[in-house]
C-alpha atoms as a PDB file:
ATOM      1  CA  MET A   1     250.630 216.676 147.295  1.00  0.00           C
ATOM      2  CA  THR A   2     253.177 217.788 149.789  1.00  0.00           C
ATOM      3  CA  ASP A   3     254.891 221.143 149.658  1.00  0.00           C
ATOM      4  CA  GLN A   4     258.242 219.320 149.620  1.00  0.00           C
ATOM      5  CA  GLN A   5     257.603 218.054 146.092  1.00  0.00           C
ATOM      6  CA  PRO A   6     259.396 219.992 143.355  1.00  0.00           C
ATOM      7  CA  ALA A   7     257.086 221.911 141.055  1.00  0.00           C
ATOM      8  CA  GLN A   8     257.950 219.781 138.036  1.00  0.00           C
ATOM      9  CA  ASP A   9     256.703 216.682 139.861  1.00  0.00           C
ATOM     10  CA  ARG A  10     253.288 218.077 140.712  1.00  0.00           C
ATOM     11  CA  ASP A  11     251.648 218.051 137.293  1.00  0.00           C
ATOM     12  CA  PRO A  12     251.997 214.321 136.566  1.00  0.00           C
ATOM     13  CA  ARG A  13     250.693 213.425 140.001  1.00  0.00           C
ATOM     14  CA  ALA A  14     247.670 215.631 139.358  1.00  0.00           C
ATOM     15  CA  ALA A  15     246.949 213.903 136.073  1.00  0.00           C
ATOM     16  CA  ASP A  16     244.489 211.477 137.620  1.00  0.00           C
ATOM     17  CA  GLY A  17     242.744 211.769 140.980  1.00  0.00           C
ATOM     18  CA  ALA A  18     243.290 208.047 141.583  1.00  0.00           C
ATOM     19  CA  LEU A  19     247.061 208.492 141.364  1.00  0.00           C
ATOM     20  CA  HIS A  20     247.652 211.180 143.954  1.00  0.00           C
ATOM     21  CA  GLY A  21     250.340 210.964 146.563  1.00  0.00           C
ATOM     22  CA  VAL A  22     249.931 212.195 150.136  1.00  0.00           C
ATOM     23  CA  ALA A  23     247.740 215.287 150.186  1.00  0.00           C
ATOM     24  CA  ALA A  24     248.673 218.473 151.957  1.00  0.00           C
ATOM     25  CA  PRO A  25     246.855 219.052 155.259  1.00  0.00           C
ATOM     26  CA  ALA A  26     243.383 220.354 154.522  1.00  0.00           C
ATOM     27  CA  PRO A  27     242.574 223.860 155.762  1.00  0.00           C
ATOM     28  CA  ALA A  28     239.935 224.222 158.444  1.00  0.00           C
ATOM     29  CA  LEU A  29     236.572 224.544 156.736  1.00  0.00           C
ATOM     30  CA  SER A  30     233.246 225.346 158.294  1.00  0.00           C
ATOM     31  CA  GLY A  31     229.757 224.210 157.410  1.00  0.00           C
ATOM     32  CA  THR A  32     228.521 222.501 154.280  1.00  0.00           C
ATOM     33  CA  TYR A  33     228.631 223.497 150.662  1.00  0.00           C
ATOM     34  CA  ASP A  34     226.729 222.725 147.479  1.00  0.00           C
ATOM     35  CA  VAL A  35     228.011 222.486 143.923  1.00  0.00           C
ATOM     36  CA  ILE A  36     226.532 223.616 140.612  1.00  0.00           C
ATOM     37  CA  VAL A  37     227.933 222.172 137.386  1.00  0.00           C
ATOM     38  CA  PRO A  38     226.816 224.055 134.248  1.00  0.00           C
ATOM     39  CA  ALA A  39     226.748 221.362 131.557  1.00  0.00           C
ATOM     40  CA  GLY A  40     224.536 222.717 128.819  1.00  0.00           C
ATOM     41  CA  GLY A  41     227.050 224.101 126.340  1.00  0.00           C
ATOM     42  CA  ALA A  42     226.855 223.291 122.647  1.00  0.00           C
ATOM     43  CA  ALA A  43     230.495 222.058 122.376  1.00  0.00           C
ATOM     44  CA  ARG A  44     230.741 223.504 118.855  1.00  0.00           C
ATOM     45  CA  ARG A  45     234.508 223.018 118.654  1.00  0.00           C
ATOM     46  CA  LEU A  46     233.925 219.321 119.375  1.00  0.00           C
ATOM     47  CA  GLY A  47     231.368 218.960 116.633  1.00  0.00           C
ATOM     48  CA  GLY A  48     228.400 219.191 119.005  1.00  0.00           C
ATOM     49  CA  VAL A  49     229.082 215.943 120.895  1.00  0.00           C
ATOM     50  CA  ASP A  50     228.014 215.600 124.530  1.00  0.00           C
ATOM     51  CA  LYS A  51     231.283 216.927 125.960  1.00  0.00           C
ATOM     52  CA  PRO A  52     230.563 216.223 129.668  1.00  0.00           C
ATOM     53  CA  GLY A  53     229.935 212.585 128.732  1.00  0.00           C
ATOM     54  CA  LEU A  54     233.268 212.103 126.950  1.00  0.00           C
ATOM     55  CA  SER A  55     235.553 209.583 128.662  1.00  0.00           C
ATOM     56  CA  VAL A  56     238.971 210.626 129.965  1.00  0.00           C
ATOM     57  CA  GLY A  57     240.937 208.110 131.984  1.00  0.00           C
ATOM     58  CA  GLY A  58     238.010 205.687 132.080  1.00  0.00           C
ATOM     59  CA  ARG A  59     235.494 208.169 133.500  1.00  0.00           C
ATOM     60  CA  SER A  60     233.325 210.846 131.963  1.00  0.00           C
ATOM     61  CA  LEU A  61     234.481 214.429 132.316  1.00  0.00           C
ATOM     62  CA  LEU A  62     231.339 215.161 134.328  1.00  0.00           C
ATOM     63  CA  ASP A  63     232.005 212.328 136.782  1.00  0.00           C
ATOM     64  CA  ARG A  64     235.598 213.478 137.219  1.00  0.00           C
ATOM     65  CA  VAL A  65     234.359 216.947 138.229  1.00  0.00           C
ATOM     66  CA  LEU A  66     231.745 215.517 140.586  1.00  0.00           C
ATOM     67  CA  ASP A  67     234.424 213.282 142.109  1.00  0.00           C
ATOM     68  CA  ALA A  68     236.444 216.334 143.152  1.00  0.00           C
ATOM     69  CA  CYS A  69     233.552 217.583 145.308  1.00  0.00           C
ATOM     70  CA  ALA A  70     232.229 214.244 146.559  1.00  0.00           C
ATOM     71  CA  ASP A  71     231.485 215.749 149.998  1.00  0.00           C
ATOM     72  CA  ALA A  72     229.141 218.435 148.642  1.00  0.00           C
ATOM     73  CA  ALA A  73     225.764 218.297 150.367  1.00  0.00           C
ATOM     74  CA  THR A  74     223.888 218.820 147.089  1.00  0.00           C
ATOM     75  CA  ALA A  75     225.161 218.514 143.528  1.00  0.00           C
ATOM     76  CA  VAL A  76     223.154 220.205 140.765  1.00  0.00           C
ATOM     77  CA  VAL A  77     223.960 219.502 137.120  1.00  0.00           C
ATOM     78  CA  VAL A  78     222.403 222.083 134.808  1.00  0.00           C
ATOM     79  CA  GLY A  79     221.830 220.856 131.285  1.00  0.00           C
ATOM     80  CA  PRO A  80     220.396 217.869 129.427  1.00  0.00           C
ATOM     81  CA  PRO A  81     219.907 214.794 131.658  1.00  0.00           C
ATOM     82  CA  ARG A  82     222.797 212.331 131.538  1.00  0.00           C
ATOM     83  CA  PRO A  83     223.921 209.449 133.764  1.00  0.00           C
ATOM     84  CA  THR A  84     226.274 210.197 136.656  1.00  0.00           C
ATOM     85  CA  ALA A  85     228.130 207.988 139.129  1.00  0.00           C
ATOM     86  CA  ARG A  86     226.766 209.926 142.126  1.00  0.00           C
ATOM     87  CA  PRO A  87     223.211 211.119 142.755  1.00  0.00           C
ATOM     88  CA  VAL A  88     222.613 214.638 141.444  1.00  0.00           C
ATOM     89  CA  ILE A  89     219.740 217.034 140.921  1.00  0.00           C
ATOM     90  CA  GLN A  90     219.144 217.610 137.219  1.00  0.00           C
ATOM     91  CA  ALA A  91     218.109 221.151 136.300  1.00  0.00           C
ATOM     92  CA  LEU A  92     217.630 223.054 133.059  1.00  0.00           C
ATOM     93  CA  GLU A  93     218.355 226.712 132.432  1.00  0.00           C
ATOM     94  CA  ASP A  94     215.701 229.037 131.023  1.00  0.00           C
ATOM     95  CA  PRO A  95     215.935 229.113 128.099  1.00  0.00           C
ATOM     96  CA  PRO A  96     217.867 225.860 127.495  1.00  0.00           C
ATOM     97  CA  GLY A  97     221.357 226.740 126.357  1.00  0.00           C
ATOM     98  CA  GLY A  98     220.937 230.230 127.808  1.00  0.00           C
ATOM     99  CA  GLY A  99     224.518 230.501 128.982  1.00  0.00           C
ATOM    100  CA  PRO A 100     226.367 230.455 132.313  1.00  0.00           C
ATOM    101  CA  LEU A 101     224.331 233.067 134.195  1.00  0.00           C
ATOM    102  CA  ALA A 102     221.048 231.367 133.294  1.00  0.00           C
ATOM    103  CA  ALA A 103     222.615 228.074 134.414  1.00  0.00           C
ATOM    104  CA  LEU A 104     223.707 229.539 137.747  1.00  0.00           C
ATOM    105  CA  ASP A 105     220.224 230.924 138.337  1.00  0.00           C
ATOM    106  CA  ALA A 106     218.657 227.532 137.601  1.00  0.00           C
ATOM    107  CA  GLY A 107     221.145 225.709 139.827  1.00  0.00           C
ATOM    108  CA  LEU A 108     220.817 228.081 142.780  1.00  0.00           C
ATOM    109  CA  ARG A 109     217.103 227.315 143.005  1.00  0.00           C
ATOM    110  CA  HIS A 110     218.074 223.821 144.256  1.00  0.00           C
ATOM    111  CA  THR A 111     220.782 224.774 146.769  1.00  0.00           C
ATOM    112  CA  THR A 112     220.611 225.765 150.426  1.00  0.00           C
ATOM    113  CA  ALA A 113     224.238 225.822 151.641  1.00  0.00           C
ATOM    114  CA  PRO A 114     225.905 229.165 152.430  1.00  0.00           C
ATOM    115  CA  VAL A 115     228.755 228.423 150.012  1.00  0.00           C
ATOM    116  CA  VAL A 116     228.286 227.191 146.443  1.00  0.00           C
ATOM    117  CA  LEU A 117     231.021 225.800 144.223  1.00  0.00           C
ATOM    118  CA  VAL A 118     230.547 226.504 140.514  1.00  0.00           C
ATOM    119  CA  LEU A 119     232.545 224.113 138.335  1.00  0.00           C
ATOM    120  CA  SER A 120     232.419 223.679 134.573  1.00  0.00           C
ATOM    121  CA  ALA A 121     231.853 220.119 133.385  1.00  0.00           C
ATOM    122  CA  ASP A 122     235.089 219.717 131.411  1.00  0.00           C
ATOM    123  CA  LEU A 123     237.896 219.848 134.007  1.00  0.00           C
ATOM    124  CA  PRO A 124     239.738 216.505 133.862  1.00  0.00           C
ATOM    125  CA  PHE A 125     242.404 217.400 136.432  1.00  0.00           C
ATOM    126  CA  LEU A 126     240.253 219.096 139.047  1.00  0.00           C
ATOM    127  CA  THR A 127     240.945 217.675 142.521  1.00  0.00           C
ATOM    128  CA  GLY A 128     239.640 217.918 146.050  1.00  0.00           C
ATOM    129  CA  ALA A 129     242.663 220.090 146.897  1.00  0.00           C
ATOM    130  CA  THR A 130     241.420 222.775 144.513  1.00  0.00           C
ATOM    131  CA  VAL A 131     237.902 222.570 145.914  1.00  0.00           C
ATOM    132  CA  ARG A 132     239.262 222.956 149.473  1.00  0.00           C
ATOM    133  CA  ALA A 133     241.450 225.882 148.401  1.00  0.00           C
ATOM    134  CA  LEU A 134     238.508 227.745 146.871  1.00  0.00           C
ATOM    135  CA  ARG A 135     236.277 227.064 149.870  1.00  0.00           C
ATOM    136  CA  ALA A 136     238.969 228.197 152.301  1.00  0.00           C
ATOM    137  CA  ALA A 137     239.576 231.399 150.343  1.00  0.00           C
ATOM    138  CA  VAL A 138     235.915 232.416 150.289  1.00  0.00           C
ATOM    139  CA  GLU A 139     235.455 231.491 153.959  1.00  0.00           C
ATOM    140  CA  ALA A 140     238.597 233.299 155.106  1.00  0.00           C
ATOM    141  CA  GLY A 141     236.860 236.689 155.288  1.00  0.00           C
ATOM    142  CA  GLU A 142     239.244 239.513 156.030  1.00  0.00           C
ATOM    143  CA  GLY A 143     242.344 237.305 156.339  1.00  0.00           C
ATOM    144  CA  ALA A 144     243.897 234.767 153.998  1.00  0.00           C
ATOM    145  CA  GLU A 145     245.609 232.632 156.608  1.00  0.00           C
ATOM    146  CA  GLY A 146     245.448 228.930 155.843  1.00  0.00           C
ATOM    147  CA  VAL A 147     244.421 229.470 152.229  1.00  0.00           C
ATOM    148  CA  GLU A 148     245.787 226.804 149.896  1.00  0.00           C
ATOM    149  CA  ARG A 149     246.997 227.262 146.382  1.00  0.00           C
ATOM    150  CA  ALA A 150     245.126 225.221 143.830  1.00  0.00           C
ATOM    151  CA  ASP A 151     247.922 222.641 143.748  1.00  0.00           C
ATOM    152  CA  GLY A 152     247.315 221.791 147.409  1.00  0.00           C
ATOM    153  CA  VAL A 153     250.166 223.831 148.925  1.00  0.00           C
ATOM    154  CA  GLU A 154     249.130 225.867 151.920  1.00  0.00           C
ATOM    155  CA  GLY A 155     250.055 229.512 152.356  1.00  0.00           C
ATOM    156  CA  THR A 156     249.031 232.975 151.225  1.00  0.00           C
ATOM    157  CA  GLU A 157     251.683 233.526 148.551  1.00  0.00           C
ATOM    158  CA  GLY A 158     249.993 234.627 145.354  1.00  0.00           C
ATOM    159  CA  VAL A 159     246.502 234.769 146.873  1.00  0.00           C
ATOM    160  CA  GLU A 160     245.066 238.076 145.747  1.00  0.00           C
ATOM    161  CA  GLY A 161     242.086 239.803 147.284  1.00  0.00           C
ATOM    162  CA  ALA A 162     239.589 242.333 145.989  1.00  0.00           C
ATOM    163  CA  GLU A 163     237.615 242.585 149.195  1.00  0.00           C
ATOM    164  CA  GLY A 164     234.725 244.978 149.399  1.00  0.00           C
ATOM    165  CA  ALA A 165     233.569 247.047 152.339  1.00  0.00           C
ATOM    166  CA  GLU A 166     234.678 245.728 155.735  1.00  0.00           C
ATOM    167  CA  GLY A 167     236.826 243.055 154.091  1.00  0.00           C
ATOM    168  CA  ARG A 168     233.893 241.235 152.522  1.00  0.00           C
ATOM    169  CA  VAL A 169     234.789 238.383 150.165  1.00  0.00           C
ATOM    170  CA  ASP A 170     231.911 237.212 147.978  1.00  0.00           C
ATOM    171  CA  ALA A 171     233.788 234.777 145.759  1.00  0.00           C
ATOM    172  CA  ALA A 172     237.066 232.926 145.276  1.00  0.00           C
ATOM    173  CA  LEU A 173     238.094 232.478 141.636  1.00  0.00           C
ATOM    174  CA  LEU A 174     240.820 230.225 140.306  1.00  0.00           C
ATOM    175  CA  ARG A 175     243.436 232.191 138.369  1.00  0.00           C
ATOM    176  CA  ASP A 176     245.502 230.273 135.816  1.00  0.00           C
ATOM    177  CA  ALA A 177     249.197 230.623 135.027  1.00  0.00           C
ATOM    178  CA  GLU A 178     248.454 233.289 132.400  1.00  0.00           C
ATOM    179  CA  GLY A 179     246.665 235.450 134.952  1.00  0.00           C
ATOM    180  CA  LYS A 180     243.168 234.753 133.640  1.00  0.00           C
ATOM    181  CA  ASP A 181     240.306 234.490 136.116  1.00  0.00           C
ATOM    182  CA  GLN A 182     238.204 231.314 135.947  1.00  0.00           C
ATOM    183  CA  PRO A 183     234.705 232.203 137.253  1.00  0.00           C
ATOM    184  CA  LEU A 184     233.521 228.671 136.382  1.00  0.00           C
ATOM    185  CA  VAL A 185     236.134 227.198 138.714  1.00  0.00           C
ATOM    186  CA  ALA A 186     235.130 229.162 141.773  1.00  0.00           C
ATOM    187  CA  ALA A 187     233.451 229.264 145.165  1.00  0.00           C
ATOM    188  CA  TYR A 188     230.720 231.813 145.890  1.00  0.00           C
ATOM    189  CA  ARG A 189     228.820 232.926 148.927  1.00  0.00           C
ATOM    190  CA  ALA A 190     225.293 231.957 148.004  1.00  0.00           C
ATOM    191  CA  GLU A 191     223.410 235.086 149.067  1.00  0.00           C
ATOM    192  CA  PRO A 192     225.740 237.620 147.395  1.00  0.00           C
ATOM    193  CA  LEU A 193     225.609 235.434 144.285  1.00  0.00           C
ATOM    194  CA  ARG A 194     221.805 235.526 144.278  1.00  0.00           C
ATOM    195  CA  ARG A 195     221.841 239.300 144.725  1.00  0.00           C
ATOM    196  CA  ALA A 196     224.373 239.715 141.921  1.00  0.00           C
ATOM    197  CA  LEU A 197     222.251 237.636 139.533  1.00  0.00           C
ATOM    198  CA  ALA A 198     219.184 239.713 140.443  1.00  0.00           C
ATOM    199  CA  ALA A 199     221.158 242.903 139.792  1.00  0.00           C
ATOM    200  CA  VAL A 200     222.237 241.698 136.338  1.00  0.00           C
ATOM    201  CA  ARG A 201     218.664 240.727 135.484  1.00  0.00           C
ATOM    202  CA  ALA A 202     217.426 244.151 136.602  1.00  0.00           C
ATOM    203  CA  GLU A 203     220.089 245.945 134.541  1.00  0.00           C
ATOM    204  CA  ARG A 204     219.831 243.877 131.365  1.00  0.00           C
ATOM    205  CA  GLY A 205     216.318 242.465 131.470  1.00  0.00           C
ATOM    206  CA  THR A 206     217.492 238.836 131.219  1.00  0.00           C
ATOM    207  CA  LEU A 207     220.266 236.491 132.281  1.00  0.00           C
ATOM    208  CA  ALA A 208     220.255 234.558 129.015  1.00  0.00           C
ATOM    209  CA  GLY A 209     223.322 235.203 126.923  1.00  0.00           C
ATOM    210  CA  GLN A 210     224.893 237.587 129.446  1.00  0.00           C
ATOM    211  CA  PRO A 211     228.666 237.382 130.071  1.00  0.00           C
ATOM    212  CA  LEU A 212     230.185 236.304 133.347  1.00  0.00           C
ATOM    213  CA  ARG A 213     231.925 239.672 133.711  1.00  0.00           C
ATOM    214  CA  ALA A 214     228.488 241.247 134.209  1.00  0.00           C
ATOM    215  CA  LEU A 215     228.083 239.073 137.295  1.00  0.00           C
ATOM    216  CA  LEU A 216     231.577 239.689 138.662  1.00  0.00           C
ATOM    217  CA  ALA A 217     230.983 243.443 138.513  1.00  0.00           C
ATOM    218  CA  HIS A 218     228.598 242.988 141.456  1.00  0.00           C
ATOM    219  CA  LEU A 219     230.894 240.798 143.584  1.00  0.00           C
ATOM    220  CA  SER A 220     234.065 241.227 145.632  1.00  0.00           C
ATOM    221  CA  PRO A 221     236.282 238.289 144.614  1.00  0.00           C
ATOM    222  CA  ARG A 222     239.537 236.816 145.818  1.00  0.00           C
ATOM    223  CA  ARG A 223     241.867 234.963 143.453  1.00  0.00           C
ATOM    224  CA  VAL A 224     243.449 231.574 144.157  1.00  0.00           C
ATOM    225  CA  PRO A 225     246.483 230.852 141.962  1.00  0.00           C
ATOM    226  CA  ASP A 226     246.747 227.779 139.775  1.00  0.00           C
ATOM    227  CA  PRO A 227     250.449 228.235 138.934  1.00  0.00           C
ATOM    228  CA  THR A 228     250.657 225.235 136.587  1.00  0.00           C
ATOM    229  CA  SER A 229     247.209 225.708 134.961  1.00  0.00           C
ATOM    230  CA  THR A 230     246.474 222.083 135.834  1.00  0.00           C
ATOM    231  CA  ALA A 231     243.254 222.431 137.817  1.00  0.00           C
ATOM    232  CA  SER A 232     241.967 225.019 135.328  1.00  0.00           C
ATOM    233  CA  PHE A 233     242.790 222.920 132.251  1.00  0.00           C
ATOM    234  CA  ASP A 234     239.532 222.530 130.324  1.00  0.00           C
ATOM    235  CA  CYS A 235     238.671 220.487 127.254  1.00  0.00           C
ATOM    236  CA  ASP A 236     237.365 222.758 124.518  1.00  0.00           C
ATOM    237  CA  THR A 237     238.799 220.896 121.515  1.00  0.00           C
ATOM    238  CA  TRP A 238     239.645 217.356 120.435  1.00  0.00           C
ATOM    239  CA  GLU A 239     243.306 218.293 120.908  1.00  0.00           C
ATOM    240  CA  ASP A 240     242.545 219.076 124.567  1.00  0.00           C
ATOM    241  CA  ILE A 241     240.724 215.757 125.009  1.00  0.00           C
ATOM    242  CA  GLU A 242     243.617 213.802 123.505  1.00  0.00           C
ATOM    243  CA  ALA A 243     246.169 215.749 125.575  1.00  0.00           C
ATOM    244  CA  ALA A 244     244.259 214.928 128.769  1.00  0.00           C
ATOM    245  CA  ARG A 245     244.016 211.237 127.888  1.00  0.00           C
ATOM    246  CA  ALA A 246     247.714 211.078 127.024  1.00  0.00           C
ATOM    247  CA  ARG A 247     248.650 212.793 130.261  1.00  0.00           C
ATOM    248  CA  ILE A 248     246.731 210.282 132.341  1.00  0.00           C
ATOM    249  CA  ARG A 249     248.193 207.336 130.418  1.00  0.00           C
ATOM    250  CA  ALA A 250     251.687 208.692 131.069  1.00  0.00           C
ATOM    251  CA  ALA A 251     250.986 209.175 134.781  1.00  0.00           C
ATOM    252  CA  ARG A 252     249.744 205.605 135.124  1.00  0.00           C
ATOM    253  CA  ALA A 253     252.801 204.306 133.287  1.00  0.00           C
ATOM    254  CA  ARG A 254     255.041 206.126 135.751  1.00  0.00           C
ATOM    255  CA  ILE A 255     253.162 204.535 138.644  1.00  0.00           C
ATOM    256  CA  ARG A 256     253.659 201.083 137.132  1.00  0.00           C
ATOM    257  CA  GLU A 257     257.377 201.769 136.727  1.00  0.00           C
ATOM    258  CA  HIS A 258     257.636 202.099 140.493  1.00  0.00           C
ATOM    259  CA  GLY A 259     256.615 198.483 141.111  1.00  0.00           C
ATOM    260  CA  THR A 260     259.904 197.764 142.897  1.00  0.00           C
ATOM    261  CA  VAL A 261     259.208 200.481 145.444  1.00  0.00           C
ATOM    262  CA  LEU A 262     255.727 199.070 146.018  1.00  0.00           C
ATOM    263  CA  ASP A 263     257.096 195.566 146.547  1.00  0.00           C
ATOM    264  CA  GLU A 264     259.600 196.878 149.103  1.00  0.00           C
ATOM    265  CA  TRP A 265     256.833 198.783 150.890  1.00  0.00           C
ATOM    266  CA  ILE A 266     254.520 195.764 150.999  1.00  0.00           C
ATOM    267  CA  THR A 267     257.307 193.599 152.440  1.00  0.00           C
ATOM    268  CA  ALA A 268     258.036 196.180 155.132  1.00  0.00           C
ATOM    269  CA  ALA A 269     254.343 196.674 155.914  1.00  0.00           C
ATOM    270  CA  LYS A 270     253.722 192.923 156.274  1.00  0.00           C
ATOM    271  CA  ALA A 271     256.665 192.666 158.663  1.00  0.00           C
ATOM    272  CA  GLU A 272     255.407 195.627 160.701  1.00  0.00           C
ATOM    273  CA  LEU A 273     251.886 194.178 160.887  1.00  0.00           C
ATOM    274  CA  GLY A 274     253.081 190.654 161.597  1.00  0.00           C
ATOM    275  CA  ILE A 275     251.193 189.029 158.721  1.00  0.00           C
ATOM    276  CA  GLU A 276     252.107 186.429 156.119  1.00  0.00           C
ATOM    277  CA  LEU A 277     250.216 186.868 152.885  1.00  0.00           C
ATOM    278  CA  ASP A 278     251.279 186.615 149.271  1.00  0.00           C
ATOM    279  CA  VAL A 279     250.365 189.885 147.586  1.00  0.00           C
ATOM    280  CA  ASP A 280     249.906 190.100 143.830  1.00  0.00           C
ATOM    281  CA  THR A 281     250.685 193.799 143.429  1.00  0.00           C
ATOM    282  CA  ALA A 282     249.683 194.020 139.771  1.00  0.00           C
ATOM    283  CA  ALA A 283     246.351 192.306 140.385  1.00  0.00           C
ATOM    284  CA  LEU A 284     245.502 194.608 143.292  1.00  0.00           C
ATOM    285  CA  LEU A 285     246.480 197.760 141.380  1.00  0.00           C
ATOM    286  CA  ASP A 286     244.354 196.669 138.429  1.00  0.00           C
ATOM    287  CA  LEU A 287     241.486 195.971 140.820  1.00  0.00           C
ATOM    288  CA  ALA A 288     241.872 199.408 142.445  1.00  0.00           C
ATOM    289  CA  ARG A 289     241.712 201.027 139.005  1.00  0.00           C
ATOM    290  CA  ASP A 290     238.597 199.093 137.994  1.00  0.00           C
ATOM    291  CA  ALA A 291     236.846 199.804 141.295  1.00  0.00           C
ATOM    292  CA  ALA A 292     237.679 203.524 141.112  1.00  0.00           C
ATOM    293  CA  HIS A 293     236.493 203.876 137.531  1.00  0.00           C
ATOM    294  CA  GLY A 294     233.574 201.468 137.568  1.00  0.00           C
ATOM    295  CA  VAL A 295     232.094 202.359 140.970  1.00  0.00           C
ATOM    296  CA  ALA A 296     233.603 205.402 142.723  1.00  0.00           C
ATOM    297  CA  ARG A 297     237.053 206.511 143.815  1.00  0.00           C
ATOM    298  CA  PRO A 298     236.619 205.561 147.513  1.00  0.00           C
ATOM    299  CA  ALA A 299     235.706 202.042 146.364  1.00  0.00           C
ATOM    300  CA  ALA A 300     239.335 201.403 145.363  1.00  0.00           C
ATOM    301  CA  PRO A 301     241.007 201.178 148.816  1.00  0.00           C
ATOM    302  CA  LEU A 302     237.940 199.609 150.401  1.00  0.00           C
ATOM    303  CA  THR A 303     237.715 196.890 147.754  1.00  0.00           C
ATOM    304  CA  THR A 304     241.406 196.021 147.896  1.00  0.00           C
ATOM    305  CA  PHE A 305     241.114 195.800 151.694  1.00  0.00           C
ATOM    306  CA  LEU A 306     238.169 193.414 151.389  1.00  0.00           C
ATOM    307  CA  VAL A 307     240.057 191.238 148.905  1.00  0.00           C
ATOM    308  CA  GLY A 308     243.091 191.072 151.182  1.00  0.00           C
ATOM    309  CA  TYR A 309     240.935 190.281 154.181  1.00  0.00           C
ATOM    310  CA  ALA A 310     239.081 187.561 152.307  1.00  0.00           C
ATOM    311  CA  ALA A 311     242.348 186.052 151.044  1.00  0.00           C
ATOM    312  CA  ALA A 312     243.804 185.918 154.537  1.00  0.00           C
ATOM    313  CA  GLN A 313     240.625 184.563 156.130  1.00  0.00           C
ATOM    314  CA  GLN A 314     239.887 181.972 153.452  1.00  0.00           C
ATOM    315  CA  GLY A 315     243.472 181.094 152.537  1.00  0.00           C
ATOM    316  CA  ARG A 316     242.758 181.852 148.886  1.00  0.00           C
ATOM    317  CA  ASP A 317     244.904 183.393 146.172  1.00  0.00           C
ATOM    318  CA  VAL A 318     244.729 187.197 146.038  1.00  0.00           C
ATOM    319  CA  SER A 319     244.810 187.288 142.242  1.00  0.00           C
ATOM    320  CA  VAL A 320     241.761 184.989 141.992  1.00  0.00           C
ATOM    321  CA  LEU A 321     239.717 187.089 144.401  1.00  0.00           C
ATOM    322  CA  ALA A 322     240.935 190.309 142.776  1.00  0.00           C
ATOM    323  CA  ALA A 323     239.756 189.023 139.403  1.00  0.00           C
ATOM    324  CA  LYS A 324     236.300 188.271 140.835  1.00  0.00           C
ATOM    325  CA  ALA A 325     236.017 191.729 142.387  1.00  0.00           C
ATOM    326  CA  ALA A 326     237.303 193.406 139.211  1.00  0.00           C
ATOM    327  CA  ALA A 327     234.694 191.570 137.151  1.00  0.00           C
ATOM    328  CA  LEU A 328     232.008 192.850 139.529  1.00  0.00           C
ATOM    329  CA  ALA A 329     233.294 196.429 139.203  1.00  0.00           C
ATOM    330  CA  ASN A 330     233.285 196.138 135.424  1.00  0.00           C
ATOM    331  CA  ARG A 331     229.704 194.845 135.490  1.00  0.00           C
ATOM    332  CA  TRP A 332     228.702 197.865 137.574  1.00  0.00           C
ATOM    333  CA  ALA A 333     230.364 200.179 135.047  1.00  0.00           C
ATOM    334  CA  ALA A 334     228.638 198.440 132.136  1.00  0.00           C
ATOM    335  CA  GLU A 335     225.242 198.667 133.817  1.00  0.00           C
ATOM    336  CA  ALA A 336     225.742 202.355 134.580  1.00  0.00           C
ATOM    337  CA  ALA A 337     226.582 203.008 130.942  1.00  0.00           C
ATOM    338  CA  GLU A 338     223.644 201.098 129.435  1.00  0.00           C
ATOM    339  CA  ASP A 339     221.486 204.202 129.151  1.00  0.00           C
ATOM    340  CA  ALA A 340     224.270 206.514 127.968  1.00  0.00           C
ATOM    341  CA  ASP A 341     224.174 207.711 124.386  1.00  0.00           C
ATOM    342  CA  ALA A 342     226.681 205.915 122.188  1.00  0.00           C
ATOM    343  CA  THR A 343     228.627 208.959 121.033  1.00  0.00           C
ATOM    344  CA  PRO A 344     231.686 208.387 118.801  1.00  0.00           C
ATOM    345  CA  GLU A 345     234.806 209.853 120.346  1.00  0.00           C
ATOM    346  CA  ALA A 346     237.210 209.444 117.463  1.00  0.00           C
ATOM    347  CA  ALA A 347     239.203 212.655 117.249  1.00  0.00           C
ATOM    348  CA  PRO A 348     240.565 214.039 114.006  1.00  0.00           C
ATOM    349  CA  GLU A 349     244.289 213.723 113.517  1.00  0.00           C
ATOM    350  CA  ALA A 350     245.884 216.588 115.377  1.00  0.00           C
ATOM    351  CA  LYS A 351     248.892 217.151 117.499  1.00  0.00           C
ATOM    352  CA  PRO A 352     247.854 217.538 121.178  1.00  0.00           C
ATOM    353  CA  LYS A 353     248.435 220.941 122.700  1.00  0.00           C
ATOM    354  CA  ALA A 354     251.301 221.305 125.111  1.00  0.00           C
ATOM    355  CA  LYS A 355     248.799 222.325 127.788  1.00  0.00           C
ATOM    356  CA  PRO A 356     249.204 222.331 130.718  1.00  0.00           C
ATOM    357  CA  ALA A 357     252.998 222.576 130.713  1.00  0.00           C
ATOM    358  CA  GLU A 358     254.829 219.512 132.008  1.00  0.00           C
END
């Protein structure tokens, strides 16, 4: 997103990672990072279904979260084993279902990076911009220059610090529009996080069942604002799931409505590049969607490029080649889902929450 976009236009564009416009310049980030995704909750308000495996916008909630941190050196998913689009380390908290602090402890045993992202497994609108903002905030040390807001806009407005001695920042927590901290949408310095977990264990005898506030009492956090509560939107109920699905459907419909603009752009681009090629816009957009959902998000632009290249080189119809590539992407998706549990997703009749605000 660019900082020229009006606030009311940001939410729909954030509804699906595959539908983003031009991103704001990324802040300078140093080193590598790992990510831990606690995914062992009981999902009682969803009737005990496997919440991370629920599909929103054609991808599981877990895969959508992992997509937002695709450049993490190591991804650890803590909870029952389940299929994922990217390679991950599967870990289990002790005891299973022991809560967020037990999950963090189990995940940290598999990480080595100096910074660790901790992301709950039910964030359908989490994006790379939020991940960069959290990393930049925890790496900024004494200053907050270059820190992004969670919606991708750079600047220090609204970024709040609670630095410890000598300006130390141990964590960067997302803060939603209601002013609530989100410690499961956060970046942590790994060593202070390990020390804080050890301190809680020493005080309380166990990490199982302990609240996140017990951990935060031993850390010096900084807050990164999420002014529209989009990145922090989580799916606790069937109403939340249906609201997320509806939001993504609406965003895709708006993209399709702009077909005229796309046609004008393609005509101008072909003239600039000096090429003559019939472009079936609808076929290529459908292909990009299938490649993003069935394989991985970066597969979308690469696959459409390959189809265009093949069409130009072979003198074949774009729509025919796009259909072949889309069929391949769908086969990949079907194969990846073969081992997944067949969990019914029918939600009870309920009016979706107006969350996050449009």
